[in-house]
C-alpha atoms as a PDB file:
ATOM      1  CA  MET A   1    -183.515   0.132-112.775  1.00  0.00           C
ATOM      2  CA  LYS A   2    -181.891  -2.359-113.415  1.00  0.00           C
ATOM      3  CA  HIS A   3    -182.104  -4.286-110.141  1.00  0.00           C
ATOM      4  CA  GLY A   4    -183.369  -1.598-107.828  1.00  0.00           C
ATOM      5  CA  VAL A   5    -186.333  -0.664-109.989  1.00  0.00           C
ATOM      6  CA  PHE A   6    -187.867  -3.958-108.984  1.00  0.00           C
ATOM      7  CA  TYR A   7    -189.163  -1.844-106.096  1.00  0.00           C
ATOM      8  CA  ILE A   8    -191.300  -0.003-108.643  1.00  0.00           C
ATOM      9  CA  LEU A   9    -194.080  -2.414-107.697  1.00  0.00           C
ATOM     10  CA  ILE A  10    -195.055  -0.011-104.900  1.00  0.00           C
ATOM     11  CA  VAL A  11    -196.378   2.296-107.609  1.00  0.00           C
ATOM     12  CA  LEU A  12    -198.631  -0.466-108.893  1.00  0.00           C
ATOM     13  CA  SER A  13    -200.097  -1.069-105.475  1.00  0.00           C
ATOM     14  CA  ALA A  14    -201.034   2.640-105.409  1.00  0.00           C
ATOM     15  CA  CYS A  15    -173.661 -26.829-134.379  1.00  0.00           C
ATOM     16  CA  SER A  16    -175.490 -25.816-137.326  1.00  0.00           C
ATOM     17  CA  LYS A  17    -176.398 -22.219-136.949  1.00  0.00           C
ATOM     18  CA  ASN A  18    -176.506 -19.368-139.377  1.00  0.00           C
ATOM     19  CA  GLU A  19    -174.120 -16.456-138.929  1.00  0.00           C
ATOM     20  CA  SER A  20    -176.589 -14.221-137.069  1.00  0.00           C
ATOM     21  CA  GLU A  21    -177.225 -16.935-134.450  1.00  0.00           C
ATOM     22  CA  SER A  22    -173.635 -18.038-133.870  1.00  0.00           C
ATOM     23  CA  ASN A  23    -171.663 -17.076-130.808  1.00  0.00           C
ATOM     24  CA  SER A  24    -170.514 -13.504-130.404  1.00  0.00           C
ATOM     25  CA  ARG A  25    -166.887 -12.718-131.025  1.00  0.00           C
ATOM     26  CA  LEU A  26    -165.107 -13.086-127.721  1.00  0.00           C
ATOM     27  CA  ILE A  27    -164.396  -9.895-125.790  1.00  0.00           C
ATOM     28  CA  THR A  28    -162.275 -10.326-122.683  1.00  0.00           C
ATOM     29  CA  PHE A  29    -161.778  -7.898-119.829  1.00  0.00           C
ATOM     30  CA  GLY A  30    -159.123  -7.190-117.245  1.00  0.00           C
ATOM     31  CA  GLN A  31    -159.369  -7.157-113.471  1.00  0.00           C
ATOM     32  CA  PRO A  32    -162.241  -4.948-112.231  1.00  0.00           C
ATOM     33  CA  GLN A  33    -161.303  -1.869-110.227  1.00  0.00           C
ATOM     34  CA  LEU A  34    -163.323   0.064-107.661  1.00  0.00           C
ATOM     35  CA  VAL A  35    -164.280   3.570-108.799  1.00  0.00           C
ATOM     36  CA  THR A  36    -164.361   6.522-106.411  1.00  0.00           C
ATOM     37  CA  ILE A  37    -166.640   9.543-106.660  1.00  0.00           C
ATOM     38  CA  ASN A  38    -165.027  12.206-104.491  1.00  0.00           C
ATOM     39  CA  GLY A  39    -167.522  14.031-102.305  1.00  0.00           C
ATOM     40  CA  TYR A  40    -170.209  11.346-102.533  1.00  0.00           C
ATOM     41  CA  SER A  41    -170.723   8.459-100.103  1.00  0.00           C
ATOM     42  CA  ALA A  42    -174.222   7.089-100.746  1.00  0.00           C
ATOM     43  CA  ASP A  43    -175.290   4.284-103.107  1.00  0.00           C
ATOM     44  CA  ILE A  44    -174.276   4.519-106.765  1.00  0.00           C
ATOM     45  CA  MET A  45    -176.620   2.788-109.195  1.00  0.00           C
ATOM     46  CA  GLU A  46    -177.421   2.852-112.918  1.00  0.00           C
ATOM     47  CA  PRO A  47    -174.241   4.596-114.134  1.00  0.00           C
ATOM     48  CA  PHE A  48    -174.225   6.265-117.537  1.00  0.00           C
ATOM     49  CA  LEU A  49    -171.136   7.840-119.093  1.00  0.00           C
ATOM     50  CA  ALA A  50    -171.889  10.623-121.575  1.00  0.00           C
ATOM     51  CA  SER A  51    -170.430  10.769-125.083  1.00  0.00           C
ATOM     52  CA  ASN A  52    -167.802  13.279-124.008  1.00  0.00           C
ATOM     53  CA  GLY A  53    -166.406  10.680-121.621  1.00  0.00           C
ATOM     54  CA  GLU A  54    -166.318  13.317-118.885  1.00  0.00           C
ATOM     55  CA  THR A  55    -169.807  13.358-117.372  1.00  0.00           C
ATOM     56  CA  LEU A  56    -171.071  10.417-115.334  1.00  0.00           C
ATOM     57  CA  PHE A  57    -174.766  10.258-114.472  1.00  0.00           C
ATOM     58  CA  PHE A  58    -176.166   7.903-111.838  1.00  0.00           C
ATOM     59  CA  ASN A  59    -178.904   7.567-109.266  1.00  0.00           C
ATOM     60  CA  ASN A  60    -178.810   6.766-105.582  1.00  0.00           C
ATOM     61  CA  SER A  61    -180.570   3.762-104.037  1.00  0.00           C
ATOM     62  CA  ASN A  62    -183.855   2.577-105.528  1.00  0.00           C
ATOM     63  CA  HIS A  63    -185.123   1.253-102.221  1.00  0.00           C
ATOM     64  CA  PRO A  64    -188.706   2.392-101.478  1.00  0.00           C
ATOM     65  CA  SER A  65    -187.572   4.031 -98.242  1.00  0.00           C
ATOM     66  CA  VAL A  66    -185.312   6.393-100.230  1.00  0.00           C
ATOM     67  CA  ASN A  67    -186.124   9.290-102.545  1.00  0.00           C
ATOM     68  CA  THR A  68    -184.369   8.083-105.693  1.00  0.00           C
ATOM     69  CA  ASN A  69    -182.873  11.016-107.624  1.00  0.00           C
ATOM     70  CA  LEU A  70    -180.487  11.658-110.502  1.00  0.00           C
ATOM     71  CA  HIS A  71    -176.955  12.858-109.779  1.00  0.00           C
ATOM     72  CA  PHE A  72    -173.830  13.552-111.820  1.00  0.00           C
ATOM     73  CA  ALA A  73    -170.048  13.681-111.506  1.00  0.00           C
ATOM     74  CA  LYS A  74    -167.081  14.796-113.610  1.00  0.00           C
ATOM     75  CA  ARG A  75    -164.194  12.554-114.650  1.00  0.00           C
ATOM     76  CA  ILE A  76    -160.733  13.000-113.137  1.00  0.00           C
ATOM     77  CA  ASN A  77    -159.385   9.717-114.479  1.00  0.00           C
ATOM     78  CA  ASP A  78    -160.756   6.269-115.330  1.00  0.00           C
ATOM     79  CA  ILE A  79    -161.303   5.326-111.673  1.00  0.00           C
ATOM     80  CA  THR A  80    -161.948   8.723-110.091  1.00  0.00           C
ATOM     81  CA  PHE A  81    -164.771  11.225-110.516  1.00  0.00           C
ATOM     82  CA  GLU A  82    -165.705  14.441-108.698  1.00  0.00           C
ATOM     83  CA  TYR A  83    -169.277  14.737-107.437  1.00  0.00           C
ATOM     84  CA  GLN A  84    -171.222  17.692-108.855  1.00  0.00           C
ATOM     85  CA  GLY A  85    -174.552  17.260-107.063  1.00  0.00           C
ATOM     86  CA  GLU A  86    -178.090  16.383-108.041  1.00  0.00           C
ATOM     87  CA  LEU A  87    -179.250  17.242-111.535  1.00  0.00           C
ATOM     88  CA  LYS A  88    -181.471  20.305-111.470  1.00  0.00           C
ATOM     89  CA  GLY A  89    -184.945  20.474-112.944  1.00  0.00           C
ATOM     90  CA  VAL A  90    -185.544  16.726-113.095  1.00  0.00           C
ATOM     91  CA  ASN A  91    -185.942  15.181-109.651  1.00  0.00           C
ATOM     92  CA  THR A  92    -189.291  14.720-107.910  1.00  0.00           C
ATOM     93  CA  GLU A  93    -190.634  12.922-104.857  1.00  0.00           C
ATOM     94  CA  SER A  94    -191.212   9.930-107.139  1.00  0.00           C
ATOM     95  CA  LEU A  95    -188.489   7.572-108.344  1.00  0.00           C
ATOM     96  CA  ASP A  96    -186.255   9.309-110.932  1.00  0.00           C
ATOM     97  CA  GLY A  97    -183.309   7.354-112.314  1.00  0.00           C
ATOM     98  CA  VAL A  98    -181.612   5.431-115.132  1.00  0.00           C
ATOM     99  CA  ALA A  99    -180.018   8.243-117.127  1.00  0.00           C
ATOM    100  CA  THR A 100    -179.022   7.943-120.776  1.00  0.00           C
ATOM    101  CA  MET A 101    -178.176  10.594-123.361  1.00  0.00           C
ATOM    102  CA  ASP A 102    -177.405  10.878-127.072  1.00  0.00           C
ATOM    103  CA  ASN A 103    -174.730  12.926-128.836  1.00  0.00           C
ATOM    104  CA  SER A 104    -176.962  16.003-128.998  1.00  0.00           C
ATOM    105  CA  ASN A 105    -177.549  15.955-125.214  1.00  0.00           C
ATOM    106  CA  ALA A 106    -181.114  14.669-125.545  1.00  0.00           C
ATOM    107  CA  PHE A 107    -181.514  13.132-122.099  1.00  0.00           C
ATOM    108  CA  TYR A 108    -183.772  10.170-121.260  1.00  0.00           C
ATOM    109  CA  PHE A 109    -184.647   8.725-117.880  1.00  0.00           C
ATOM    110  CA  VAL A 110    -187.187   6.606-116.005  1.00  0.00           C
ATOM    111  CA  SER A 111    -189.665   8.180-113.597  1.00  0.00           C
ATOM    112  CA  THR A 112    -192.760   6.843-111.869  1.00  0.00           C
ATOM    113  CA  ARG A 113    -194.178  10.355-111.444  1.00  0.00           C
ATOM    114  CA  SER A 114    -197.212   9.809-113.691  1.00  0.00           C
ATOM    115  CA  TYR A 115    -197.495   6.018-113.959  1.00  0.00           C
ATOM    116  CA  ASN A 116    -200.909   5.824-112.287  1.00  0.00           C
ATOM    117  CA  GLN A 117    -202.281   8.290-114.837  1.00  0.00           C
ATOM    118  CA  THR A 118    -200.322   7.412-117.994  1.00  0.00           C
ATOM    119  CA  LEU A 119    -199.042   3.813-117.550  1.00  0.00           C
ATOM    120  CA  ALA A 120    -195.758   5.229-118.868  1.00  0.00           C
ATOM    121  CA  THR A 121    -192.399   5.861-117.225  1.00  0.00           C
ATOM    122  CA  ILE A 122    -189.879   7.068-119.832  1.00  0.00           C
ATOM    123  CA  TYR A 123    -189.206  10.795-120.104  1.00  0.00           C
ATOM    124  CA  THR A 124    -186.917  12.985-122.143  1.00  0.00           C
ATOM    125  CA  GLY A 125    -185.422  16.461-121.752  1.00  0.00           C
ATOM    126  CA  GLN A 126    -182.345  18.463-122.689  1.00  0.00           C
ATOM    127  CA  PHE A 127    -179.163  18.415-120.640  1.00  0.00           C
ATOM    128  CA  GLU A 128    -177.106  21.581-120.312  1.00  0.00           C
ATOM    129  CA  ASN A 129    -174.512  22.407-117.648  1.00  0.00           C
ATOM    130  CA  ASP A 130    -176.151  20.994-114.495  1.00  0.00           C
ATOM    131  CA  SER A 131    -179.811  20.903-115.485  1.00  0.00           C
ATOM    132  CA  ILE A 132    -182.467  19.075-117.480  1.00  0.00           C
ATOM    133  CA  SER A 133    -185.054  21.255-119.235  1.00  0.00           C
ATOM    134  CA  ASN A 134    -188.110  20.757-121.471  1.00  0.00           C
ATOM    135  CA  ILE A 135    -189.074  17.465-119.839  1.00  0.00           C
ATOM    136  CA  THR A 136    -191.780  15.518-121.671  1.00  0.00           C
ATOM    137  CA  LEU A 137    -193.169  11.980-121.597  1.00  0.00           C
ATOM    138  CA  VAL A 138    -191.907   9.759-124.441  1.00  0.00           C
ATOM    139  CA  THR A 139    -194.750   8.322-126.501  1.00  0.00           C
ATOM    140  CA  GLY A 140    -194.798   4.996-128.352  1.00  0.00           C
ATOM    141  CA  ILE A 141    -192.994   3.006-125.645  1.00  0.00           C
ATOM    142  CA  SER A 142    -195.541   1.919-123.043  1.00  0.00           C
ATOM    143  CA  LYS A 143    -197.707  -1.151-123.587  1.00  0.00           C
ATOM    144  CA  ASN A 144    -200.510   0.879-121.975  1.00  0.00           C
ATOM    145  CA  GLN A 145    -201.442  -2.078-119.798  1.00  0.00           C
ATOM    146  CA  ALA A 146    -201.611  -1.847-116.024  1.00  0.00           C
ATOM    147  CA  GLY A 147    -198.825  -3.873-114.440  1.00  0.00           C
ATOM    148  CA  TRP A 148    -196.424  -3.494-117.365  1.00  0.00           C
ATOM    149  CA  VAL A 149    -193.586  -1.110-116.560  1.00  0.00           C
ATOM    150  CA  ASN A 150    -190.689   0.152-118.687  1.00  0.00           C
ATOM    151  CA  PHE A 151    -188.017   0.132-115.997  1.00  0.00           C
ATOM    152  CA  ASP A 152    -184.895   0.726-118.090  1.00  0.00           C
ATOM    153  CA  VAL A 153    -183.897   2.842-121.066  1.00  0.00           C
ATOM    154  CA  GLU A 154    -180.803   3.289-123.251  1.00  0.00           C
ATOM    155  CA  VAL A 155    -180.581   5.655-126.232  1.00  0.00           C
ATOM    156  CA  SER A 156    -178.263   5.107-129.198  1.00  0.00           C
ATOM    157  CA  LYS A 157    -175.642   7.816-129.662  1.00  0.00           C
ATOM    158  CA  ASP A 158    -177.344   9.074-132.832  1.00  0.00           C
ATOM    159  CA  GLY A 159    -180.616   9.403-130.928  1.00  0.00           C
ATOM    160  CA  ASN A 160    -182.568   7.210-133.332  1.00  0.00           C
ATOM    161  CA  PHE A 161    -183.149   4.131-131.173  1.00  0.00           C
ATOM    162  CA  LEU A 162    -184.291   3.428-127.632  1.00  0.00           C
ATOM    163  CA  TYR A 163    -183.551   0.097-125.995  1.00  0.00           C
ATOM    164  CA  PHE A 164    -185.897  -0.364-123.048  1.00  0.00           C
ATOM    165  CA  VAL A 165    -187.457  -3.076-120.905  1.00  0.00           C
ATOM    166  CA  ASP A 166    -191.005  -4.373-120.686  1.00  0.00           C
ATOM    167  CA  GLY A 167    -191.459  -5.682-117.153  1.00  0.00           C
ATOM    168  CA  ARG A 168    -194.601  -7.308-115.727  1.00  0.00           C
ATOM    169  CA  PHE A 169    -195.490  -6.636-112.082  1.00  0.00           C
ATOM    170  CA  ASP A 170    -198.558  -7.059-109.921  1.00  0.00           C
ATOM    171  CA  GLU A 171    -199.676  -6.009-106.447  1.00  0.00           C
ATOM    172  CA  ASN A 172    -197.643  -8.858-104.956  1.00  0.00           C
ATOM    173  CA  GLY A 173    -194.370  -7.943-106.586  1.00  0.00           C
ATOM    174  CA  GLY A 174    -192.354  -8.832-109.647  1.00  0.00           C
ATOM    175  CA  PRO A 175    -191.089  -8.573-112.213  1.00  0.00           C
ATOM    176  CA  TYR A 176    -192.395 -11.916-113.416  1.00  0.00           C
ATOM    177  CA  GLU A 177    -191.308 -11.186-116.970  1.00  0.00           C
ATOM    178  CA  ALA A 178    -188.699  -8.764-118.323  1.00  0.00           C
ATOM    179  CA  ASP A 179    -187.452  -8.500-121.893  1.00  0.00           C
ATOM    180  CA  ILE A 180    -185.503  -5.891-123.801  1.00  0.00           C
ATOM    181  CA  ALA A 181    -187.322  -4.151-126.658  1.00  0.00           C
ATOM    182  CA  ILE A 182    -186.378  -1.539-129.276  1.00  0.00           C
ATOM    183  CA  ALA A 183    -188.134   1.562-130.563  1.00  0.00           C
ATOM    184  CA  GLU A 184    -187.109   3.788-133.473  1.00  0.00           C
ATOM    185  CA  LYS A 185    -187.496   7.556-133.547  1.00  0.00           C
ATOM    186  CA  THR A 186    -190.272   8.989-135.708  1.00  0.00           C
ATOM    187  CA  ASP A 187    -191.603  12.466-136.418  1.00  0.00           C
ATOM    188  CA  ILE A 188    -193.975  12.219-133.464  1.00  0.00           C
ATOM    189  CA  GLY A 189    -192.020  10.168-130.935  1.00  0.00           C
ATOM    190  CA  PHE A 190    -190.856   6.551-131.018  1.00  0.00           C
ATOM    191  CA  GLN A 191    -192.314   3.374-132.492  1.00  0.00           C
ATOM    192  CA  ARG A 192    -191.525  -0.214-131.527  1.00  0.00           C
ATOM    193  CA  ILE A 193    -189.657  -2.175-134.196  1.00  0.00           C
ATOM    194  CA  ASN A 194    -188.995  -5.815-135.118  1.00  0.00           C
ATOM    195  CA  SER A 195    -187.775  -7.761-132.104  1.00  0.00           C
ATOM    196  CA  ASP A 196    -185.884 -10.255-134.305  1.00  0.00           C
ATOM    197  CA  LEU A 197    -182.816  -8.130-133.624  1.00  0.00           C
ATOM    198  CA  LEU A 198    -183.034  -9.436-130.057  1.00  0.00           C
ATOM    199  CA  LYS A 199    -184.121 -13.010-130.781  1.00  0.00           C
ATOM    200  CA  ASN A 200    -180.894 -14.402-129.273  1.00  0.00           C
ATOM    201  CA  ILE A 201    -181.081 -12.111-126.220  1.00  0.00           C
ATOM    202  CA  ASN A 202    -184.474 -12.500-124.555  1.00  0.00           C
ATOM    203  CA  THR A 203    -185.258 -15.727-122.698  1.00  0.00           C
ATOM    204  CA  SER A 204    -187.585 -16.961-119.975  1.00  0.00           C
ATOM    205  CA  ALA A 205    -185.189 -15.315-117.519  1.00  0.00           C
ATOM    206  CA  LEU A 206    -185.294 -11.563-116.850  1.00  0.00           C
ATOM    207  CA  GLU A 207    -183.223  -9.443-119.246  1.00  0.00           C
ATOM    208  CA  TYR A 208    -182.784  -5.738-118.551  1.00  0.00           C
ATOM    209  CA  ALA A 209    -180.280  -2.852-118.297  1.00  0.00           C
ATOM    210  CA  ALA A 210    -179.291  -2.700-121.960  1.00  0.00           C
ATOM    211  CA  CYS A 211    -176.132  -0.811-122.916  1.00  0.00           C
ATOM    212  CA  LEU A 212    -175.105  -0.120-126.520  1.00  0.00           C
ATOM    213  CA  SER A 213    -171.601   0.566-127.761  1.00  0.00           C
ATOM    214  CA  SER A 214    -171.243   3.763-129.796  1.00  0.00           C
ATOM    215  CA  ASP A 215    -171.202   1.765-133.063  1.00  0.00           C
ATOM    216  CA  MET A 216    -174.240  -0.293-131.928  1.00  0.00           C
ATOM    217  CA  LEU A 217    -172.348  -3.542-132.561  1.00  0.00           C
ATOM    218  CA  GLU A 218    -172.040  -4.549-128.894  1.00  0.00           C
ATOM    219  CA  LEU A 219    -174.937  -5.033-126.508  1.00  0.00           C
ATOM    220  CA  TYR A 220    -174.381  -5.411-122.774  1.00  0.00           C
ATOM    221  CA  PHE A 221    -177.240  -6.387-120.483  1.00  0.00           C
ATOM    222  CA  THR A 222    -178.119  -7.972-117.153  1.00  0.00           C
ATOM    223  CA  ARG A 223    -179.826 -11.344-116.767  1.00  0.00           C
ATOM    224  CA  VAL A 224    -181.259 -13.021-113.682  1.00  0.00           C
ATOM    225  CA  ASP A 225    -183.463 -16.066-113.271  1.00  0.00           C
ATOM    226  CA  ALA A 226    -187.154 -15.552-112.586  1.00  0.00           C
ATOM    227  CA  PRO A 227    -188.851 -15.366-110.189  1.00  0.00           C
ATOM    228  CA  ILE A 228    -186.815 -12.867-108.169  1.00  0.00           C
ATOM    229  CA  SER A 229    -185.882 -13.960-104.656  1.00  0.00           C
ATOM    230  CA  GLU A 230    -183.579 -12.850-101.864  1.00  0.00           C
ATOM    231  CA  THR A 231    -180.911 -15.172-103.230  1.00  0.00           C
ATOM    232  CA  SER A 232    -181.137 -13.968-106.845  1.00  0.00           C
ATOM    233  CA  MET A 233    -177.760 -13.129-108.347  1.00  0.00           C
ATOM    234  CA  PRO A 234    -177.884 -11.051-111.545  1.00  0.00           C
ATOM    235  CA  LYS A 235    -175.026 -11.355-114.040  1.00  0.00           C
ATOM    236  CA  ILE A 236    -173.736  -9.232-116.885  1.00  0.00           C
ATOM    237  CA  TYR A 237    -173.716 -10.525-120.476  1.00  0.00           C
ATOM    238  CA  VAL A 238    -172.466  -9.216-123.796  1.00  0.00           C
ATOM    239  CA  SER A 239    -173.466  -9.939-127.380  1.00  0.00           C
ATOM    240  CA  THR A 240    -171.984  -8.682-130.639  1.00  0.00           C
ATOM    241  CA  ARG A 241    -172.937  -8.393-134.308  1.00  0.00           C
ATOM    242  CA  GLU A 242    -171.140  -7.384-137.490  1.00  0.00           C
ATOM    243  CA  SER A 243    -173.807  -5.020-138.820  1.00  0.00           C
ATOM    244  CA  VAL A 244    -176.555  -2.872-137.312  1.00  0.00           C
ATOM    245  CA  ASN A 245    -179.004  -4.625-139.628  1.00  0.00           C
ATOM    246  CA  GLU A 246    -178.443  -8.119-138.232  1.00  0.00           C
ATOM    247  CA  PRO A 247    -179.574  -9.650-134.936  1.00  0.00           C
ATOM    248  CA  PHE A 248    -177.245  -9.677-131.968  1.00  0.00           C
ATOM    249  CA  ARG A 249    -175.604 -13.068-131.668  1.00  0.00           C
ATOM    250  CA  LYS A 250    -175.770 -15.535-128.816  1.00  0.00           C
ATOM    251  CA  PRO A 251    -174.571 -13.685-125.677  1.00  0.00           C
ATOM    252  CA  TYR A 252    -172.134 -14.879-123.087  1.00  0.00           C
ATOM    253  CA  ARG A 253    -171.484 -13.935-119.489  1.00  0.00           C
ATOM    254  CA  ILE A 254    -168.482 -11.721-118.686  1.00  0.00           C
ATOM    255  CA  GLU A 255    -166.735 -14.037-116.254  1.00  0.00           C
ATOM    256  CA  MET A 256    -164.405 -11.401-114.782  1.00  0.00           C
ATOM    257  CA  ILE A 257    -167.420  -9.554-113.387  1.00  0.00           C
ATOM    258  CA  ASP A 258    -168.690 -11.487-110.381  1.00  0.00           C
ATOM    259  CA  GLY A 259    -170.969 -10.965-107.409  1.00  0.00           C
ATOM    260  CA  PHE A 260    -174.264  -9.082-107.450  1.00  0.00           C
ATOM    261  CA  VAL A 261    -173.684  -6.901-110.518  1.00  0.00           C
ATOM    262  CA  GLU A 262    -175.859  -4.955-112.967  1.00  0.00           C
ATOM    263  CA  ALA A 263    -176.193  -1.997-115.280  1.00  0.00           C
ATOM    264  CA  VAL A 264    -173.243  -1.547-117.634  1.00  0.00           C
ATOM    265  CA  THR A 265    -172.309   1.722-119.299  1.00  0.00           C
ATOM    266  CA  ILE A 266    -169.502   1.902-121.866  1.00  0.00           C
ATOM    267  CA  SER A 267    -166.891   4.559-122.570  1.00  0.00           C
ATOM    268  CA  PRO A 268    -167.061   6.511-125.861  1.00  0.00           C
ATOM    269  CA  ASP A 269    -164.093   4.601-127.288  1.00  0.00           C
ATOM    270  CA  ASN A 270    -165.809   1.288-126.406  1.00  0.00           C
ATOM    271  CA  GLN A 271    -162.832   0.165-124.302  1.00  0.00           C
ATOM    272  CA  ILE A 272    -164.017   0.526-120.690  1.00  0.00           C
ATOM    273  CA  ILE A 273    -167.242  -0.562-119.040  1.00  0.00           C
ATOM    274  CA  TYR A 274    -168.609   0.656-115.707  1.00  0.00           C
ATOM    275  CA  TYR A 275    -171.276  -1.114-113.641  1.00  0.00           C
ATOM    276  CA  HIS A 276    -172.698  -1.118-110.149  1.00  0.00           C
ATOM    277  CA  LYS A 277    -172.094  -3.877-107.633  1.00  0.00           C
ATOM    278  CA  LEU A 278    -173.659  -4.692-104.281  1.00  0.00           C
ATOM    279  CA  GLU A 279    -171.004  -4.952-101.580  1.00  0.00           C
ATOM    280  CA  GLY A 280    -172.470  -5.623 -98.154  1.00  0.00           C
ATOM    281  CA  GLN A 281    -175.497  -3.329 -97.988  1.00  0.00           C
ATOM    282  CA  LYS A 282    -174.181  -0.699-100.410  1.00  0.00           C
ATOM    283  CA  TYR A 283    -174.081  -0.303-104.185  1.00  0.00           C
ATOM    284  CA  VAL A 284    -170.687   0.840-105.453  1.00  0.00           C
ATOM    285  CA  LEU A 285    -169.179   1.532-108.855  1.00  0.00           C
ATOM    286  CA  TYR A 286    -166.641  -0.648-110.668  1.00  0.00           C
ATOM    287  CA  MET A 287    -164.869  -0.511-114.013  1.00  0.00           C
ATOM    288  CA  THR A 288    -163.000  -2.976-116.197  1.00  0.00           C
ATOM    289  CA  GLN A 289    -161.111  -2.513-119.438  1.00  0.00           C
ATOM    290  CA  LYS A 290    -161.053  -4.650-122.566  1.00  0.00           C
ATOM    291  CA  ILE A 291    -157.860  -6.609-123.034  1.00  0.00           C
ATOM    292  CA  SER A 292    -158.733  -8.396-126.311  1.00  0.00           C
ATOM    293  CA  GLU A 293    -161.420  -8.964-128.926  1.00  0.00           C
END
C-alpha cells in the first residue's frame, strides 16, 4: 500500500513524438504543509479524500508487527481534520488498508484476509455513516498466480474503472515488479482493459499508488527503483491527457514534494493533493495546492 504494503510478502510465506506521447502539461504546486488529524497520533498512510471533500480515509502503519486497519476523519479545513475512529464492519486481524470510493459510496480496499485461498486482495462494500457493509471480493482483477499481489486500488468517481497494481513477490521479499493496470466495470465484476493507456507510465521501476483526478485527465502515482532496499526513496509523479480515450502522456516528478513520499489523493475540485511522508520513524500527512497549470 503503496510503500507499506511491501510487507505483504509475509502472507506469501504463509523530439519527434506524437501528441499522446509528448510531455504532460506542466502542473506546479506550492509549498507543502503538514496536516493535523486531531485526536489521532499514530501513523497515517494511504490517504483518500472522498468526493464530498469532507471525509478522509486512511490506514495506520503497514508494518507486519502492527494490525493494519482502516480509519477515517472529518475535514475542519484544508490542513486540519478531526479523527472519527476506525471504520466499522471492515477491519480484521489481517492487513486492511488503501481506501478508495466512488460517487455512489461504493467503497474499495485491499485486504490480505483470503489471499492464501483466493490469490486476490481487492474487496468492495458500501460506506454509510461510519461503517462498511456488504463486503465482497472483487472478481476480474487478480492474475490468479501465487506471488502476484494487487497491493493498491483506486476507483474512478463514476465507479466504472479500477486502477490497481500487479506486484510480484516471493518468499524472500519483493516486490520485484510492480505496474499499474486498469479494469473496467462489467455486469459481473471488472475486466482488465488495454494497457496502452498506461504505455508512458509503467517502466522497469516500480509504479504504484495510482490517483485519478475527478475528470480522469490527471494521473498521480509513486515510482521507486527496483529492487527495493533500505535506501530506496520513492517519489511522486503526475501525468496528464486531454481526453479519457487517449494514453496518459510522459509523466514528470513533482519537485516540490521531497523526501520519502507516496500515495497521493486529490481533492474533488482537483486543486489540492494529500500524500503521506516518512519523517523519522513515523508516517505523517502533507498537502500541497496547485499554483498553475
